[in-house]
Protein backbone atom coordinates (compact mmCIF):
# COMPACT_ATOMS: atom_id res chain seq x y z
CA GLU A 1 42.95 -3.71 58.81
CA THR A 2 42.41 -7.15 57.35
CA ARG A 3 38.63 -6.77 57.83
CA VAL A 4 38.55 -3.34 56.10
CA GLU A 5 40.69 -4.74 53.24
CA ALA A 6 38.33 -7.75 52.83
CA MET A 7 34.97 -5.72 53.03
CA GLU A 8 36.47 -3.27 50.40
CA SER A 9 37.26 -6.49 48.18
CA GLY A 10 33.62 -7.43 48.24
CA CYS A 11 33.44 -10.07 51.21
CA THR A 12 30.36 -9.85 53.21
CA ARG A 13 31.67 -11.98 56.24
CA LEU A 14 35.13 -12.48 57.61
CA LEU A 15 36.28 -15.14 59.90
CA LEU A 16 39.49 -14.67 61.68
CA THR A 17 41.45 -17.76 62.83
CA PRO A 18 41.76 -19.35 65.33
CA LEU A 19 38.11 -20.46 65.54
CA ALA A 20 36.28 -22.19 67.98
CA PRO A 21 34.55 -25.14 66.40
CA ASP A 22 31.12 -23.91 67.40
CA GLN A 23 31.96 -20.62 65.51
CA LEU A 24 32.73 -22.55 62.27
CA GLY A 25 29.74 -24.80 62.73
CA GLU A 26 27.49 -21.84 63.03
CA PHE A 27 29.11 -20.03 60.12
CA LEU A 28 28.62 -23.10 57.89
CA ARG A 29 25.00 -23.63 58.90
CA GLN A 30 24.14 -20.11 57.63
CA TYR A 31 25.52 -20.77 54.26
CA LEU A 32 25.06 -24.71 53.68
CA CYS A 33 21.82 -26.36 53.00
CA VAL A 34 22.81 -29.31 55.38
CA ASP A 35 22.91 -28.78 59.01
CA VAL A 36 26.54 -29.95 60.02
CA SER A 37 25.74 -29.93 63.72
CA ASP A 38 23.87 -33.27 63.64
CA GLN A 39 26.41 -35.33 61.51
CA PRO A 40 28.78 -37.30 63.77
CA LYS A 41 32.26 -36.34 62.76
CA THR A 42 33.50 -39.89 62.48
CA GLU A 43 30.37 -41.64 61.03
CA ARG A 44 30.90 -43.09 57.55
CA MET A 45 27.94 -43.83 55.22
CA LEU A 46 29.46 -47.10 53.91
CA SER A 47 27.40 -50.30 53.62
CA ALA A 48 27.37 -52.61 56.96
CA HIS A 49 28.54 -55.06 54.26
CA TRP A 50 31.47 -53.16 52.98
CA SER A 51 34.10 -55.16 54.97
CA ASN A 52 32.89 -58.32 52.93
CA VAL A 53 35.09 -57.94 49.81
CA ASN A 54 32.63 -60.41 47.81
CA MET A 55 29.90 -57.96 48.56
CA ARG A 56 31.67 -54.81 47.27
CA PRO A 57 30.89 -55.30 43.60
CA LEU A 58 27.22 -55.78 44.45
CA ILE A 59 27.04 -52.74 46.60
CA LEU A 60 28.84 -50.76 43.72
CA ALA A 61 26.46 -52.00 41.36
CA PHE A 62 23.41 -51.25 43.59
CA LEU A 63 24.18 -47.70 44.11
CA PRO A 64 23.67 -46.40 40.75
CA ARG A 65 20.33 -48.08 40.72
CA LEU A 66 19.71 -46.42 44.16
CA GLU A 67 20.39 -43.01 42.68
CA GLN A 68 18.03 -43.74 39.76
CA GLN A 69 15.36 -44.65 42.14
CA VAL A 70 15.49 -41.67 44.23
CA ARG A 71 15.33 -39.49 41.10
CA GLU A 72 12.19 -41.42 39.88
CA LEU A 73 10.76 -41.03 43.41
CA GLY A 74 11.24 -37.22 43.29
CA ARG A 75 9.43 -36.97 40.00
CA TYR A 76 6.34 -38.89 41.31
CA LEU A 77 6.17 -36.94 44.47
CA GLY A 78 4.90 -34.07 42.71
CA LEU A 79 2.20 -36.00 40.59
CA PRO A 80 -1.31 -35.83 41.75
CA ASP A 81 -1.63 -39.57 40.73
CA GLY A 82 1.68 -40.45 41.77
CA ARG A 83 1.08 -41.62 45.49
CA GLU A 84 0.77 -45.25 44.67
CA LEU A 85 4.01 -45.39 42.78
CA VAL A 86 5.88 -43.30 45.56
CA GLU A 87 4.55 -45.95 47.97
CA LYS A 88 5.96 -48.69 45.87
CA LEU A 89 9.47 -46.94 45.30
CA CYS A 90 9.65 -46.34 48.99
CA LEU A 91 8.96 -50.00 49.89
CA ASP A 92 11.45 -51.11 47.47
CA LEU A 93 14.17 -48.53 48.67
CA LYS A 94 13.40 -49.66 52.28
CA GLY A 95 13.95 -53.25 51.43
CA THR A 96 16.90 -53.10 49.12
CA ALA A 97 18.85 -50.39 51.12
CA GLY A 98 18.40 -52.41 54.23
CA GLY A 99 19.45 -55.46 52.34
CA TYR A 100 22.63 -53.96 50.94
CA GLY A 101 23.66 -52.66 54.42
CA TYR A 102 22.16 -49.24 54.56
CA PRO A 103 19.80 -49.00 57.57
CA GLN A 104 19.83 -45.24 57.60
CA ILE A 105 18.51 -45.10 53.89
CA SER A 106 16.11 -47.86 54.80
CA ALA A 107 14.77 -45.75 57.91
CA ALA A 108 14.48 -42.48 55.71
CA ALA A 109 12.59 -44.53 53.08
CA GLN A 110 10.10 -45.69 55.70
CA ALA A 111 9.77 -42.26 57.32
CA LEU A 112 8.85 -40.82 53.63
CA LEU A 113 6.50 -43.88 53.17
CA GLN A 114 4.88 -43.19 56.56
CA ALA A 115 4.23 -39.58 55.75
CA VAL A 116 2.88 -40.48 52.17
CA MET A 117 0.42 -43.25 53.77
CA GLU A 118 -0.72 -40.67 56.23
CA GLY A 119 -1.76 -38.38 53.45
CA ALA A 120 0.78 -35.54 53.85
CA ALA A 121 0.50 -32.92 51.08
CA PRO A 122 3.38 -33.01 48.58
CA GLU A 123 4.95 -29.87 49.99
CA ASP A 124 5.12 -31.48 53.58
CA LEU A 125 7.08 -34.50 51.95
CA LYS A 126 9.91 -32.36 50.76
CA PRO A 127 12.05 -32.58 54.04
CA ASP A 128 11.75 -36.46 54.37
CA PHE A 129 12.61 -36.57 50.62
CA ALA A 130 15.51 -34.28 50.91
CA GLU A 131 16.86 -36.33 53.83
CA LEU A 132 16.56 -39.53 51.79
CA GLN A 133 18.50 -37.69 48.84
CA ARG A 134 21.04 -36.55 51.01
CA LEU A 135 21.76 -40.03 52.71
CA CYS A 136 21.86 -41.77 49.22
CA GLY A 137 24.16 -39.14 47.78
CA TRP A 138 26.34 -39.64 50.81
CA ALA A 139 26.33 -43.31 50.42
CA VAL A 140 27.39 -43.00 46.82
CA THR A 141 30.15 -40.50 47.50
CA GLU A 142 31.50 -42.71 50.26
CA ALA A 143 31.45 -46.05 48.42
CA LYS A 144 33.19 -44.29 45.39
CA GLY A 145 35.82 -42.98 47.56
CA ALA A 146 36.36 -46.25 49.49
CA GLY A 147 36.22 -48.14 46.22
CA GLN A 148 38.98 -46.18 44.76
CA ALA A 149 41.08 -46.53 48.02
CA THR A 150 40.85 -50.23 48.05
């Protein structure tokens, strides 16, 4: 009865509770851009230095710069003569993200840098760039939430 009513109202899919976690994960993977299966449920994307209260203002000041660098990197990725600038930005992101306590972002910048240095086509760089964007967005969101909570 619920299924018929939902479909008549325009729903294309219906989930009835209770759901097993793998059912929910499969459903979300179909409709979200991010694969939720590979993200640890308890992992947070806070800087490794977040527990040092003296570092927090520096971290919070770094994150808008991080977002700006990633946007800039995205602009240069598509330019035919942007490869050298992409390499420079990746090196900078790798170093600064690591220094501010974000090894995951540093590793993602390294992966993108490696692909660029190996001569990957701009289209082939999109997954590495998307991962870098995802991690940076996650870091900013986590820090803002943690900053408001403290």
